[in-house]
Amino acid sequence: MRAISSSVSVRLYHLDDSGEGGAATTLFYGPLGEAMMLAAQEPEEVQAGLYLATENDVVAYLDLDD
């Protein structure tokens, strides 16, 4: 498992898979720590579609929240 700093820049986005092909909506660009706090404030049904992207990886928010 990789270790990353809470200050690394990430893109927090919601992937809506309803409809044709789905859509990715960016919610935040900035430090991982802040992105995690914002994601935690979203309702559970939204959290299920949240992803964090760094320059090297994409990970589901719920995979990090555990």
C-alpha atoms as a PDB file:
ATOM      1  CA  MET A   1       0.000   0.000   0.000  1.00  0.00           C
ATOM      2  CA  ARG A   2       1.295   3.427  -0.892  1.00  0.00           C
ATOM      3  CA  ALA A   3       1.641   6.142   1.703  1.00  0.00           C
ATOM      4  CA  ILE A   4       0.770   9.662   0.642  1.00  0.00           C
ATOM      5  CA  SER A   5       0.716  12.982   2.405  1.00  0.00           C
ATOM      6  CA  SER A   6      -2.544  14.722   3.271  1.00  0.00           C
ATOM      7  CA  SER A   7      -1.161  17.751   1.428  1.00  0.00           C
ATOM      8  CA  VAL A   8      -0.795  16.025  -1.966  1.00  0.00           C
ATOM      9  CA  SER A   9      -3.006  17.638  -4.624  1.00  0.00           C
ATOM     10  CA  VAL A  10      -6.001  15.600  -5.734  1.00  0.00           C
ATOM     11  CA  ARG A  11      -9.129  15.915  -7.813  1.00  0.00           C
ATOM     12  CA  LEU A  12     -12.280  14.840  -5.983  1.00  0.00           C
ATOM     13  CA  TYR A  13     -15.015  13.927  -8.394  1.00  0.00           C
ATOM     14  CA  HIS A  14     -18.360  12.179  -8.503  1.00  0.00           C
ATOM     15  CA  LEU A  15     -18.956   9.562 -11.156  1.00  0.00           C
ATOM     16  CA  ASP A  16     -22.654   9.386 -11.961  1.00  0.00           C
ATOM     17  CA  ASP A  17     -23.314   6.126 -13.757  1.00  0.00           C
ATOM     18  CA  SER A  18     -27.005   6.766 -14.280  1.00  0.00           C
ATOM     19  CA  GLY A  19     -28.023   7.673 -17.782  1.00  0.00           C
ATOM     20  CA  GLU A  20     -26.095   7.083 -20.977  1.00  0.00           C
ATOM     21  CA  GLY A  21     -22.420   6.560 -20.289  1.00  0.00           C
ATOM     22  CA  GLY A  22     -22.429   8.456 -17.010  1.00  0.00           C
ATOM     23  CA  ALA A  23     -20.709  11.721 -16.200  1.00  0.00           C
ATOM     24  CA  ALA A  24     -17.818  12.797 -13.994  1.00  0.00           C
ATOM     25  CA  THR A  25     -18.405  16.006 -12.050  1.00  0.00           C
ATOM     26  CA  THR A  26     -15.410  17.612 -10.361  1.00  0.00           C
ATOM     27  CA  LEU A  27     -16.211  18.701  -6.821  1.00  0.00           C
ATOM     28  CA  PHE A  28     -12.812  19.903  -5.645  1.00  0.00           C
ATOM     29  CA  TYR A  29      -9.164  20.372  -6.611  1.00  0.00           C
ATOM     30  CA  GLY A  30      -6.721  20.699  -3.742  1.00  0.00           C
ATOM     31  CA  PRO A  31      -5.073  18.924  -0.789  1.00  0.00           C
ATOM     32  CA  LEU A  32      -6.069  15.346  -0.028  1.00  0.00           C
ATOM     33  CA  GLY A  33      -6.888  16.166   3.594  1.00  0.00           C
ATOM     34  CA  GLU A  34      -9.411  18.800   2.581  1.00  0.00           C
ATOM     35  CA  ALA A  35     -10.880  16.575  -0.128  1.00  0.00           C
ATOM     36  CA  MET A  36     -11.430  13.800   2.430  1.00  0.00           C
ATOM     37  CA  MET A  37     -13.225  16.215   4.778  1.00  0.00           C
ATOM     38  CA  LEU A  38     -15.484  17.434   1.969  1.00  0.00           C
ATOM     39  CA  ALA A  39     -16.244  13.889   0.834  1.00  0.00           C
ATOM     40  CA  ALA A  40     -17.169  12.854   4.376  1.00  0.00           C
ATOM     41  CA  GLN A  41     -19.845  15.561   4.414  1.00  0.00           C
ATOM     42  CA  GLU A  42     -21.617  14.132   1.369  1.00  0.00           C
ATOM     43  CA  PRO A  43     -24.607  11.791   1.786  1.00  0.00           C
ATOM     44  CA  GLU A  44     -23.822   8.049   1.688  1.00  0.00           C
ATOM     45  CA  GLU A  45     -25.402   7.592  -1.741  1.00  0.00           C
ATOM     46  CA  VAL A  46     -23.106  10.296  -3.152  1.00  0.00           C
ATOM     47  CA  GLN A  47     -20.041   8.901  -1.345  1.00  0.00           C
ATOM     48  CA  ALA A  48     -20.498   5.635  -3.234  1.00  0.00           C
ATOM     49  CA  GLY A  49     -19.682   7.471  -6.467  1.00  0.00           C
ATOM     50  CA  LEU A  50     -16.774   9.604  -5.212  1.00  0.00           C
ATOM     51  CA  TYR A  51     -13.246   9.142  -6.508  1.00  0.00           C
ATOM     52  CA  LEU A  52      -9.928  10.809  -5.792  1.00  0.00           C
ATOM     53  CA  ALA A  53      -7.361  11.214  -8.546  1.00  0.00           C
ATOM     54  CA  THR A  54      -3.691  12.071  -8.141  1.00  0.00           C
ATOM     55  CA  GLU A  55      -1.253  12.407 -11.006  1.00  0.00           C
ATOM     56  CA  ASN A  56      -0.601   8.639 -10.746  1.00  0.00           C
ATOM     57  CA  ASP A  57      -3.684   6.957  -9.306  1.00  0.00           C
ATOM     58  CA  VAL A  58      -7.445   6.956  -9.024  1.00  0.00           C
ATOM     59  CA  VAL A  59      -9.075   5.445  -5.958  1.00  0.00           C
ATOM     60  CA  ALA A  60     -12.654   5.226  -4.731  1.00  0.00           C
ATOM     61  CA  TYR A  61     -13.302   7.417  -1.700  1.00  0.00           C
ATOM     62  CA  LEU A  62     -14.902   4.546   0.206  1.00  0.00           C
ATOM     63  CA  ASP A  63     -11.723   2.473  -0.254  1.00  0.00           C
ATOM     64  CA  LEU A  64      -9.734   5.185   1.536  1.00  0.00           C
ATOM     65  CA  ASP A  65     -12.340   5.945   4.179  1.00  0.00           C
ATOM     66  CA  ASP A  66     -12.144   2.491   5.801  1.00  0.00           C
END
